[in-house]
N, C-alpha and C. Protein backbone atom coordinates (compact mmCIF):
# COMPACT_ATOMS: atom_id res chain seq x y z
N MET A 1 88.44 52.47 105.55
CA MET A 1 88.11 53.66 106.44
C MET A 1 89.23 53.99 107.41
N LYS A 2 89.84 52.89 107.89
CA LYS A 2 90.81 53.04 108.91
C LYS A 2 92.12 53.56 108.18
N TYR A 3 92.37 53.02 107.17
CA TYR A 3 93.55 53.49 106.14
C TYR A 3 93.35 55.06 105.94
N LEU A 4 92.42 55.40 105.72
CA LEU A 4 92.08 56.87 105.17
C LEU A 4 92.19 57.71 106.49
N SER A 5 91.67 57.23 107.61
CA SER A 5 91.66 57.98 108.78
C SER A 5 93.27 58.05 109.22
N MET A 6 94.05 57.05 108.97
CA MET A 6 95.51 57.10 109.31
C MET A 6 96.19 58.03 108.41
N ASN A 7 95.84 58.02 106.94
CA ASN A 7 96.27 59.01 106.18
C ASN A 7 96.19 60.40 106.66
N TYR A 8 94.99 60.74 106.90
CA TYR A 8 94.38 61.96 107.35
C TYR A 8 95.37 62.43 108.45
N LEU A 9 95.49 61.63 109.36
CA LEU A 9 96.36 62.07 110.60
C LEU A 9 97.72 62.32 110.41
N ILE A 10 98.31 61.47 109.52
CA ILE A 10 99.69 61.74 109.11
C ILE A 10 99.70 63.16 108.10
N ILE A 11 98.93 63.20 107.17
CA ILE A 11 98.69 64.59 106.58
C ILE A 11 98.64 65.72 107.43
N ASN A 12 97.54 65.53 108.35
CA ASN A 12 97.31 66.64 109.37
C ASN A 12 98.53 66.93 110.06
N LYS A 13 99.20 65.93 110.42
CA LYS A 13 100.44 66.13 111.48
C LYS A 13 101.57 66.95 110.56
N PHE A 14 101.67 66.41 109.28
CA PHE A 14 102.70 67.16 108.44
C PHE A 14 102.35 68.53 108.26
N ILE A 15 101.03 68.94 108.09
CA ILE A 15 100.53 70.33 107.68
C ILE A 15 100.80 71.03 108.99
N ARG A 16 100.31 70.60 110.18
CA ARG A 16 100.54 71.31 111.40
C ARG A 16 102.10 71.52 111.88
N GLY A 17 102.86 70.46 111.41
CA GLY A 17 104.37 70.66 111.63
C GLY A 17 104.92 71.77 110.81
N LYS A 18 104.46 71.76 109.50
CA LYS A 18 104.98 72.76 108.78
C LYS A 18 104.48 74.16 108.96
N THR A 19 103.32 74.17 109.43
CA THR A 19 102.68 75.45 109.82
C THR A 19 103.49 76.04 111.13
N MET A 20 103.79 75.21 112.00
CA MET A 20 104.40 75.60 113.06
C MET A 20 105.84 76.17 112.88
N LYS A 21 106.47 75.51 111.82
CA LYS A 21 107.76 76.00 111.56
C LYS A 21 107.64 77.36 110.89
N GLN A 22 106.61 77.56 110.17
CA GLN A 22 106.58 78.86 109.49
C GLN A 22 106.21 79.98 110.46
N ILE A 23 105.62 79.67 111.40
CA ILE A 23 105.28 80.94 112.36
C ILE A 23 106.34 81.34 113.20
N ILE A 24 107.55 80.42 113.28
CA ILE A 24 108.64 80.68 114.30
C ILE A 24 109.40 81.69 113.46
N PRO A 25 109.56 82.97 113.99
CA PRO A 25 110.18 84.03 113.25
C PRO A 25 111.72 83.84 113.46
N GLU A 26 112.44 84.24 112.56
CA GLU A 26 113.98 84.16 112.71
C GLU A 26 114.45 85.26 113.53
N LYS A 27 115.33 84.89 114.36
CA LYS A 27 115.82 85.89 115.41
C LYS A 27 116.70 87.02 114.51
N SER A 28 116.62 88.31 114.78
CA SER A 28 117.29 89.37 114.18
C SER A 28 118.82 88.90 114.08
N SER A 29 119.29 88.59 115.30
CA SER A 29 120.73 88.30 115.39
C SER A 29 121.29 87.12 114.44
N GLU A 30 120.16 86.10 114.33
CA GLU A 30 120.61 85.20 113.35
C GLU A 30 120.63 85.51 111.84
N LYS A 31 119.50 86.42 111.51
CA LYS A 31 119.52 87.03 110.37
C LYS A 31 120.91 87.85 109.94
N VAL A 32 121.18 88.54 110.94
CA VAL A 32 122.50 89.38 110.61
C VAL A 32 123.67 88.45 110.50
N SER A 33 123.86 87.45 111.39
CA SER A 33 124.82 86.46 111.40
C SER A 33 124.94 85.68 110.04
N LYS A 34 123.87 85.27 109.45
CA LYS A 34 123.90 84.57 108.23
C LYS A 34 124.32 85.46 107.11
N PHE A 35 123.76 86.70 107.10
CA PHE A 35 124.30 87.81 106.20
C PHE A 35 125.58 87.89 105.97
N LEU A 36 126.19 88.17 107.16
CA LEU A 36 127.73 88.31 107.29
C LEU A 36 128.43 87.12 106.63
N THR A 37 127.94 85.82 106.95
CA THR A 37 128.75 84.67 106.52
C THR A 37 128.48 84.61 104.93
N LYS A 38 127.19 84.74 104.53
CA LYS A 38 126.93 84.62 103.14
C LYS A 38 127.76 85.53 102.23
N ASN A 39 127.88 86.89 102.87
CA ASN A 39 128.79 87.79 102.05
C ASN A 39 130.06 87.95 102.14
N SER A 40 130.55 87.08 103.23
CA SER A 40 131.97 87.14 103.51
C SER A 40 132.35 88.47 104.10
N LEU A 41 131.57 89.12 104.76
CA LEU A 41 131.69 90.41 105.34
C LEU A 41 132.30 90.46 106.72
N HIS A 42 133.22 91.06 106.87
CA HIS A 42 133.94 91.00 108.18
C HIS A 42 133.10 91.93 109.23
N LYS A 43 133.17 91.30 110.38
CA LYS A 43 132.30 92.12 111.50
C LYS A 43 132.73 93.66 111.50
N ARG A 44 134.10 93.79 111.47
CA ARG A 44 134.77 95.19 111.53
C ARG A 44 134.27 96.00 110.49
N ASP A 45 134.15 95.45 109.23
CA ASP A 45 133.68 96.22 108.07
C ASP A 45 132.14 96.60 108.28
N PHE A 46 131.53 95.56 108.73
CA PHE A 46 129.93 95.80 109.05
C PHE A 46 129.80 96.78 110.10
N ALA A 47 130.66 96.83 111.04
CA ALA A 47 130.44 97.75 112.19
C ALA A 47 130.69 99.11 111.76
N GLU A 48 131.56 99.43 110.90
CA GLU A 48 131.81 100.73 110.30
C GLU A 48 130.83 101.29 109.39
N MET A 49 130.18 100.21 108.68
CA MET A 49 129.09 100.68 107.70
C MET A 49 127.92 100.93 108.49
N ILE A 50 127.56 100.50 109.69
CA ILE A 50 126.42 100.91 110.43
C ILE A 50 126.69 101.82 111.65
N GLY A 51 127.94 102.32 111.84
CA GLY A 51 128.24 103.11 112.74
C GLY A 51 128.27 102.72 114.27
N VAL A 52 128.85 101.66 114.47
CA VAL A 52 128.81 101.19 115.84
C VAL A 52 130.35 100.44 116.05
N THR A 53 130.57 100.07 117.23
CA THR A 53 131.74 99.48 117.62
C THR A 53 131.85 98.03 117.21
N LEU A 54 132.91 97.36 116.97
CA LEU A 54 133.15 96.06 116.85
C LEU A 54 132.54 95.10 117.80
N SER A 55 132.86 95.51 119.08
CA SER A 55 132.34 94.71 120.13
C SER A 55 130.78 94.73 120.18
N TYR A 56 130.14 95.64 119.72
CA TYR A 56 128.73 95.89 119.65
C TYR A 56 128.08 94.81 118.67
N VAL A 57 128.89 94.72 117.55
CA VAL A 57 128.44 93.76 116.45
C VAL A 57 128.45 92.31 117.13
N TYR A 58 129.47 91.98 117.79
CA TYR A 58 129.69 90.82 118.39
C TYR A 58 128.66 90.46 119.49
N ASN A 59 128.36 91.40 120.30
CA ASN A 59 127.35 91.32 121.38
C ASN A 59 125.96 91.12 120.74
N LEU A 60 125.67 91.74 119.65
CA LEU A 60 124.32 91.70 118.96
C LEU A 60 124.28 90.20 118.31
N ILE A 61 125.20 89.75 117.72
CA ILE A 61 125.28 88.38 117.19
C ILE A 61 125.21 87.31 118.08
N ASP A 62 125.94 87.51 119.34
CA ASP A 62 126.05 86.56 120.23
C ASP A 62 124.95 86.59 121.30
N GLU A 63 124.09 87.55 121.11
CA GLU A 63 123.00 87.95 122.11
C GLU A 63 123.29 88.26 123.43
N THR A 64 124.76 88.82 123.52
CA THR A 64 124.94 89.18 124.76
C THR A 64 124.17 90.54 125.28
N VAL A 65 123.78 91.28 124.37
CA VAL A 65 122.85 92.33 124.70
C VAL A 65 121.61 92.13 123.64
N PRO A 66 120.56 92.69 124.09
CA PRO A 66 119.39 92.67 123.19
C PRO A 66 119.65 93.28 121.94
N PHE A 67 118.85 92.81 120.93
CA PHE A 67 119.01 93.35 119.51
C PHE A 67 118.77 94.79 119.54
N SER A 68 119.33 95.64 118.77
CA SER A 68 118.92 97.21 118.77
C SER A 68 117.31 97.38 118.45
N THR A 69 117.07 98.47 119.32
CA THR A 69 115.67 98.89 119.11
C THR A 69 115.83 100.32 118.54
N ARG A 70 116.96 100.91 118.23
CA ARG A 70 117.24 102.12 117.85
C ARG A 70 116.96 102.32 116.36
N GLY A 71 116.12 103.04 115.89
CA GLY A 71 115.58 103.07 114.53
C GLY A 71 116.71 103.35 113.64
N THR A 72 117.55 104.30 113.96
CA THR A 72 118.88 104.63 113.03
C THR A 72 119.65 103.32 112.73
N THR A 73 120.04 102.77 113.86
CA THR A 73 120.90 101.38 113.77
C THR A 73 120.23 100.29 112.89
N ILE A 74 118.88 100.21 113.15
CA ILE A 74 118.14 99.17 112.46
C ILE A 74 118.13 99.52 110.81
N GLU A 75 117.82 100.80 110.63
CA GLU A 75 117.69 101.23 109.26
C GLU A 75 119.06 101.03 108.50
N ARG A 76 120.14 101.35 109.14
CA ARG A 76 121.41 101.31 108.62
C ARG A 76 121.73 99.80 108.48
N ILE A 77 121.40 98.87 109.40
CA ILE A 77 121.68 97.42 109.10
C ILE A 77 120.92 96.95 107.83
N ALA A 78 119.71 97.54 107.86
CA ALA A 78 118.64 96.97 106.65
C ALA A 78 119.24 97.42 105.33
N THR A 79 119.77 98.77 105.49
CA THR A 79 120.31 99.27 104.13
C THR A 79 121.52 98.55 103.59
N VAL A 80 122.54 98.08 104.63
CA VAL A 80 123.63 97.28 104.29
C VAL A 80 123.15 95.89 103.69
N MET A 81 122.01 95.20 104.30
CA MET A 81 121.59 93.99 104.04
C MET A 81 120.67 94.13 102.78
N ASP A 82 120.26 95.40 102.29
CA ASP A 82 119.43 95.45 101.16
C ASP A 82 117.93 95.00 101.44
N ILE A 83 117.64 95.15 102.42
CA ILE A 83 116.15 94.57 102.81
C ILE A 83 115.40 95.83 103.53
N GLU A 84 114.18 95.62 103.77
CA GLU A 84 113.37 96.61 104.49
C GLU A 84 113.49 96.59 106.12
N PRO A 85 113.57 97.65 106.75
CA PRO A 85 113.81 97.51 108.15
C PRO A 85 112.64 96.93 108.80
N GLU A 86 111.42 96.91 108.42
CA GLU A 86 110.48 96.21 108.91
C GLU A 86 110.61 94.65 109.15
N GLU A 87 111.46 94.25 108.32
CA GLU A 87 111.83 92.74 108.46
C GLU A 87 112.42 92.36 109.80
N PHE A 88 112.79 93.32 110.54
CA PHE A 88 113.27 93.15 111.83
C PHE A 88 112.13 93.47 112.85
N GLY A 89 111.95 92.45 113.80
CA GLY A 89 110.71 92.79 114.78
C GLY A 89 110.98 93.89 115.72
N GLU A 90 112.08 94.20 115.87
CA GLU A 90 112.45 95.39 116.86
C GLU A 90 112.28 96.75 116.23
N TYR A 91 112.07 96.79 115.06
CA TYR A 91 111.82 98.00 114.41
C TYR A 91 110.45 98.56 114.45
N ARG A 92 110.49 99.87 114.83
CA ARG A 92 109.27 100.94 114.95
C ARG A 92 109.24 101.66 113.96
N ILE A 93 108.06 101.56 113.10
CA ILE A 93 108.02 102.52 112.03
C ILE A 93 107.92 104.15 112.32
N PRO A 94 108.68 104.94 111.95
CA PRO A 94 108.49 106.34 112.46
C PRO A 94 107.18 106.85 112.07
N GLN A 95 106.86 107.83 112.74
CA GLN A 95 105.42 108.38 112.57
C GLN A 95 105.62 109.51 111.61
N GLU A 96 106.85 110.14 111.35
CA GLU A 96 106.82 111.16 110.44
C GLU A 96 106.88 110.49 108.85
N PRO A 97 106.25 111.16 107.89
CA PRO A 97 106.37 110.83 106.58
C PRO A 97 107.83 110.71 105.98
N ILE A 98 107.99 109.51 105.32
CA ILE A 98 109.24 109.39 104.68
C ILE A 98 109.33 110.02 103.20
N LEU A 99 110.34 111.03 103.07
CA LEU A 99 110.52 111.58 101.82
C LEU A 99 111.49 110.77 100.95
N VAL A 100 110.89 110.63 99.69
CA VAL A 100 111.71 109.82 98.65
C VAL A 100 112.39 110.70 97.75
N ASP A 101 113.73 110.61 97.65
CA ASP A 101 114.54 111.43 96.95
C ASP A 101 114.80 110.73 95.65
N GLU A 102 114.33 111.36 94.47
CA GLU A 102 114.35 110.81 93.20
C GLU A 102 115.79 110.37 92.80
N SER A 103 116.79 111.22 93.16
CA SER A 103 118.11 110.99 92.90
C SER A 103 118.77 109.84 93.42
N VAL A 104 118.23 109.51 94.70
CA VAL A 104 118.79 108.22 95.43
C VAL A 104 118.19 107.07 94.83
N GLU A 105 116.92 107.28 94.34
CA GLU A 105 116.18 106.16 93.87
C GLU A 105 117.02 105.80 92.54
N LEU A 106 117.51 106.95 91.92
CA LEU A 106 118.28 106.65 90.44
C LEU A 106 119.52 105.86 90.81
N ILE A 107 120.19 106.18 91.92
CA ILE A 107 121.39 105.49 92.16
C ILE A 107 121.14 103.93 92.60
N LYS A 108 120.05 103.63 93.17
CA LYS A 108 119.55 102.32 93.51
C LYS A 108 119.31 101.60 92.29
N ASP A 109 118.66 102.32 91.31
CA ASP A 109 118.27 101.71 90.05
C ASP A 109 119.53 101.28 89.20
N TYR A 110 120.55 102.05 89.41
CA TYR A 110 121.86 101.78 88.76
C TYR A 110 122.48 100.54 89.49
N LEU A 111 122.35 100.52 90.85
CA LEU A 111 122.85 99.32 91.45
C LEU A 111 122.27 98.12 90.92
N LYS A 112 120.97 98.00 90.71
CA LYS A 112 120.24 96.98 90.15
C LYS A 112 120.75 96.56 88.67
N GLU A 113 120.93 97.62 88.01
CA GLU A 113 121.36 97.51 86.53
C GLU A 113 122.81 96.72 86.46
N ASN A 114 123.64 97.19 87.43
CA ASN A 114 124.84 96.63 87.48
C ASN A 114 124.97 95.43 88.20
N LYS A 115 123.92 95.04 88.88
CA LYS A 115 123.78 93.60 89.56
C LYS A 115 124.82 93.66 90.70
N MET A 116 124.93 94.90 91.35
CA MET A 116 125.97 95.03 92.29
C MET A 116 125.21 95.16 93.63
N SER A 117 125.64 94.44 94.49
CA SER A 117 125.18 94.47 96.06
C SER A 117 125.54 95.69 96.75
N VAL A 118 124.71 95.93 97.66
CA VAL A 118 124.98 97.14 98.50
C VAL A 118 126.30 97.02 99.23
N VAL A 119 126.83 95.83 99.64
CA VAL A 119 127.86 95.58 100.22
C VAL A 119 129.19 95.84 99.26
N SER A 120 128.97 95.28 98.22
CA SER A 120 130.16 95.45 97.04
C SER A 120 130.26 97.14 96.74
N PHE A 121 129.25 97.76 96.75
CA PHE A 121 129.13 99.13 96.39
C PHE A 121 129.81 99.94 97.61
N LEU A 122 129.40 99.56 98.84
CA LEU A 122 129.92 100.18 99.88
C LEU A 122 131.53 100.12 100.00
N LYS A 123 132.10 98.75 99.65
CA LYS A 123 133.41 98.50 99.66
C LYS A 123 134.29 99.10 98.78
N SER A 124 133.73 99.87 97.72
CA SER A 124 134.46 100.58 96.69
C SER A 124 134.67 102.07 97.29
N PHE A 125 134.33 102.35 98.48
CA PHE A 125 134.60 103.71 99.09
C PHE A 125 135.46 103.53 100.14
N PRO A 126 136.38 104.66 100.52
CA PRO A 126 137.08 104.60 101.64
C PRO A 126 136.46 104.12 102.91
N ARG A 127 136.89 103.57 103.88
CA ARG A 127 136.30 103.14 105.11
C ARG A 127 135.48 104.24 105.90
N LYS A 128 136.16 105.42 105.88
CA LYS A 128 135.65 106.58 106.62
C LYS A 128 134.23 107.14 105.76
N LYS A 129 134.18 106.90 104.57
CA LYS A 129 133.08 107.31 103.82
C LYS A 129 131.89 106.39 103.73
N ARG A 130 132.01 105.14 104.16
CA ARG A 130 130.92 104.08 103.86
C ARG A 130 129.72 104.43 104.83
N LEU A 131 129.87 104.86 105.98
CA LEU A 131 128.88 105.22 106.83
C LEU A 131 127.98 106.38 106.15
N ASP A 132 128.57 107.31 105.54
CA ASP A 132 127.87 108.35 105.01
C ASP A 132 127.02 107.70 103.78
N ILE A 133 127.54 106.81 103.03
CA ILE A 133 126.91 106.28 101.82
C ILE A 133 125.74 105.43 102.26
N VAL A 134 125.86 104.77 103.27
CA VAL A 134 124.59 104.01 104.02
C VAL A 134 123.64 105.00 104.29
N ASP A 135 123.98 106.22 105.05
CA ASP A 135 122.86 107.20 105.29
C ASP A 135 122.25 107.84 104.16
N ILE A 136 123.03 108.01 103.14
CA ILE A 136 122.45 108.51 101.79
C ILE A 136 121.47 107.52 101.30
N LEU A 137 121.81 106.37 101.22
CA LEU A 137 120.84 105.20 100.73
C LEU A 137 119.52 105.12 101.46
N ARG A 138 119.54 105.35 102.82
CA ARG A 138 118.48 105.11 103.60
C ARG A 138 117.70 106.50 103.63
N GLY A 139 118.07 107.36 102.89
CA GLY A 139 117.39 108.74 103.00
C GLY A 139 117.64 109.72 104.10
N ALA A 140 118.76 109.57 104.93
CA ALA A 140 118.86 110.26 106.02
C ALA A 140 119.92 111.49 105.89
N LEU A 141 120.52 111.27 104.84
CA LEU A 141 121.67 112.27 104.48
C LEU A 141 121.55 112.78 103.01
N PRO A 142 121.66 114.10 102.78
CA PRO A 142 121.46 114.30 101.28
C PRO A 142 122.65 113.92 100.46
N LEU A 143 122.56 113.95 99.20
CA LEU A 143 123.57 113.67 98.40
C LEU A 143 124.49 114.85 98.44
N PRO A 144 125.79 114.56 98.15
CA PRO A 144 126.75 115.71 98.20
C PRO A 144 126.54 116.57 96.98
N ILE A 145 126.91 118.08 97.23
CA ILE A 145 126.92 118.95 96.19
C ILE A 145 127.98 119.08 95.62
N ASP A 146 129.22 118.67 96.07
CA ASP A 146 130.58 118.55 95.43
C ASP A 146 130.59 117.59 94.23
N PHE A 147 130.68 118.25 93.06
CA PHE A 147 130.54 117.45 91.78
C PHE A 147 131.46 116.36 91.83
N LYS A 148 132.58 116.40 92.17
CA LYS A 148 133.78 115.46 92.15
C LYS A 148 133.37 114.42 92.98
N GLU A 149 132.92 114.73 93.99
CA GLU A 149 132.47 113.65 95.00
C GLU A 149 131.30 112.83 94.31
N LEU A 150 130.39 113.46 93.81
CA LEU A 150 129.33 112.75 92.88
C LEU A 150 129.82 111.90 91.84
N LYS A 151 130.89 112.36 91.18
CA LYS A 151 131.43 111.53 90.16
C LYS A 151 131.95 110.32 90.65
N LEU A 152 132.55 110.38 91.80
CA LEU A 152 133.13 108.99 92.48
C LEU A 152 132.09 108.14 92.76
N ILE A 153 130.87 108.65 93.10
CA ILE A 153 129.79 107.65 93.38
C ILE A 153 129.26 106.99 91.97
N ALA A 154 129.32 108.04 90.95
CA ALA A 154 128.67 107.48 89.68
C ALA A 154 129.92 106.81 89.05
N LYS A 155 131.09 106.77 89.22
CA LYS A 155 132.16 105.96 88.48
C LYS A 155 131.93 104.62 88.94
N THR A 156 131.52 104.24 90.15
CA THR A 156 131.57 102.97 90.60
C THR A 156 130.18 102.31 89.86
N LEU A 157 129.19 103.08 89.60
CA LEU A 157 127.93 102.51 89.00
C LEU A 157 128.04 102.70 87.52
N ASN A 158 129.03 103.28 86.79
CA ASN A 158 129.06 103.26 85.34
C ASN A 158 127.81 104.23 85.08
N MET A 159 127.76 105.33 85.80
CA MET A 159 126.71 106.13 85.43
C MET A 159 127.12 107.13 84.34
N SER A 160 126.26 107.67 83.52
CA SER A 160 126.44 108.36 82.56
C SER A 160 126.59 109.89 83.12
N ASP A 161 127.43 110.70 82.27
CA ASP A 161 127.76 112.08 82.70
C ASP A 161 126.54 112.97 82.86
N ASP A 162 125.63 112.44 81.89
CA ASP A 162 124.17 113.63 81.99
C ASP A 162 123.45 113.26 83.12
N ASP A 163 123.54 111.90 83.61
CA ASP A 163 122.68 111.64 84.80
C ASP A 163 123.42 112.09 85.91
N VAL A 164 124.71 112.13 86.09
CA VAL A 164 125.57 112.79 87.22
C VAL A 164 125.27 114.19 87.09
N TYR A 165 125.26 114.90 86.03
CA TYR A 165 124.82 116.46 86.06
C TYR A 165 123.64 116.77 86.63
N SER A 166 122.49 115.84 86.15
CA SER A 166 121.30 116.04 86.43
C SER A 166 121.11 115.94 88.04
N ILE A 167 121.76 114.97 88.71
CA ILE A 167 121.69 114.90 90.06
C ILE A 167 122.19 116.05 90.78
N TRP A 168 123.49 116.44 90.31
CA TRP A 168 124.18 117.73 90.91
C TRP A 168 123.15 118.85 90.70
N GLU A 169 122.69 119.18 89.59
CA GLU A 169 121.77 120.23 89.32
C GLU A 169 120.49 120.16 90.21
N THR A 170 119.89 119.09 90.30
CA THR A 170 118.68 119.07 91.24
C THR A 170 119.18 119.19 92.71
N ARG A 171 120.26 118.71 93.06
CA ARG A 171 120.75 119.07 94.49
C ARG A 171 121.13 120.34 94.64
N LEU A 172 121.79 121.18 93.88
CA LEU A 172 122.13 122.46 94.08
C LEU A 172 120.94 123.44 94.10
N LYS A 173 119.90 123.00 93.40
CA LYS A 173 118.61 123.76 93.17
C LYS A 173 117.88 123.65 94.73
N GLN A 174 118.18 122.41 95.30
CA GLN A 174 117.64 122.17 96.60
C GLN A 174 118.29 123.14 97.74
N VAL A 175 119.69 123.22 97.47
CA VAL A 175 120.46 124.10 98.54
C VAL A 175 120.04 125.54 98.36
N LEU A 176 119.77 125.94 96.89
CA LEU A 176 119.56 127.43 96.76
C LEU A 176 118.09 127.86 97.29
N GLU A 177 117.18 126.83 97.20
CA GLU A 177 115.69 127.12 97.65
C GLU A 177 115.81 127.11 99.33
N ALA A 178 116.62 126.17 99.84
CA ALA A 178 116.79 126.15 101.27
C ALA A 178 117.37 127.31 102.02
N ALA A 179 118.26 128.00 100.93
CA ALA A 179 118.84 129.24 101.54
C ALA A 179 117.97 130.43 101.16
N GLY A 180 116.85 130.25 100.79
CA GLY A 180 115.73 131.42 100.57
C GLY A 180 115.59 131.82 99.15
N MET A 181 116.26 131.21 98.11
CA MET A 181 116.11 131.75 96.81
C MET A 181 114.90 131.04 96.20
N ASN A 182 114.10 131.94 95.55
CA ASN A 182 113.01 131.66 94.66
C ASN A 182 113.43 131.36 93.31
N ILE A 183 113.71 129.80 93.10
CA ILE A 183 114.39 129.66 91.65
C ILE A 183 113.47 129.73 90.50
N TYR A 184 111.96 129.81 90.65
CA TYR A 184 111.08 130.09 89.67
C TYR A 184 111.06 131.50 89.24
N SER A 185 110.91 132.40 90.28
CA SER A 185 110.87 133.83 90.00
C SER A 185 112.28 134.37 89.30
N ASN A 186 113.29 133.52 89.58
CA ASN A 186 114.67 133.90 89.30
C ASN A 186 115.04 132.87 87.98
N ALA A 187 113.86 132.23 87.42
CA ALA A 187 114.27 131.27 86.31
C ALA A 187 115.22 131.67 85.44
N ALA A 188 115.30 132.83 84.79
CA ALA A 188 116.21 133.19 83.75
C ALA A 188 117.62 133.39 84.25
N LEU A 189 117.78 133.66 85.38
CA LEU A 189 119.14 133.63 86.18
C LEU A 189 119.64 132.37 86.29
N VAL A 190 118.73 131.45 86.82
CA VAL A 190 119.17 130.24 87.24
C VAL A 190 119.44 129.37 85.93
N ASN A 191 118.59 129.41 84.91
CA ASN A 191 118.81 128.77 83.72
C ASN A 191 120.10 129.09 82.91
N VAL A 192 120.56 130.35 83.15
CA VAL A 192 121.71 130.72 82.43
C VAL A 192 122.94 130.17 83.28
N MET A 193 122.82 130.28 84.75
CA MET A 193 123.73 129.79 85.56
C MET A 193 123.92 128.33 85.24
N PHE A 194 122.97 127.64 85.14
CA PHE A 194 122.99 126.13 84.83
C PHE A 194 123.63 125.58 83.59
N ASP A 195 123.24 126.37 82.45
CA ASP A 195 123.77 126.22 81.33
C ASP A 195 125.13 126.33 81.31
N CYS A 196 125.82 127.37 81.93
CA CYS A 196 127.27 127.62 81.72
C CYS A 196 127.83 126.42 82.69
N ALA A 197 127.28 126.09 83.80
CA ALA A 197 127.81 125.05 84.66
C ALA A 197 127.97 123.72 83.84
N LYS A 198 126.82 123.38 83.07
CA LYS A 198 126.72 122.24 82.28
C LYS A 198 127.91 122.14 81.37
N LYS A 199 128.05 123.24 80.49
CA LYS A 199 129.05 123.19 79.55
C LYS A 199 130.31 123.06 80.25
N HIS A 200 130.60 123.65 81.27
CA HIS A 200 131.77 123.68 81.86
C HIS A 200 132.25 122.16 82.55
N LEU A 201 131.26 121.70 83.23
CA LEU A 201 131.43 120.43 83.91
C LEU A 201 131.52 119.31 82.93
N LEU A 202 130.74 119.21 81.98
CA LEU A 202 130.77 118.19 81.00
C LEU A 202 131.91 118.14 80.01
N THR A 203 132.24 119.51 79.79
CA THR A 203 133.49 119.48 78.79
C THR A 203 134.59 119.27 79.53
N GLN A 204 134.85 119.57 80.83
CA GLN A 204 135.88 119.49 81.87
C GLN A 204 136.25 117.89 81.93
N ASN A 205 135.11 117.11 81.99
CA ASN A 205 135.08 115.75 82.36
C ASN A 205 135.20 114.79 80.98
N ASN A 206 135.18 115.44 79.86
CA ASN A 206 135.30 114.48 78.71
C ASN A 206 136.58 114.48 78.05
């Protein structure tokens, strides 16, 4: 009986200790620091990707300043780390509904198919362009309507020309609608216009 009681105490202590470890949340600063080390990502590159200064990144990691509570900054950090912003305790979920862009989701699917990390994807673009790509991935910036710019994004992901064109057509229709054009009542005109555009763009790029 004494032996069983002793075993119970040891097991109970082990379980309590394990439970206590599990409920201790990892600090956001530690999470970011481990990510940078694991991905060999320089703090300067990371700062450019999330739109802050290098000194700010150092201060975040060293906890010289409190971890950011600004939604935009946390969302950018989460996007680069390829995690949900809710994983940071400082993040407050926006009250407005989040709109999901199917074209952006397609790009994310290609990232997975290519087994490419977000960091590797971002590094394939010029430094000044990386922040825009981060904002596109997090849904805060629309995809470019410039076909050549879309092709640059697609080239990195080995995306098919048909998919690139489909994204461009969808994006351009959004622009036309935003400008006040009813693309449904003008369906005949719109279809002819895009048929010609498709022939021109796909022939030009083959």
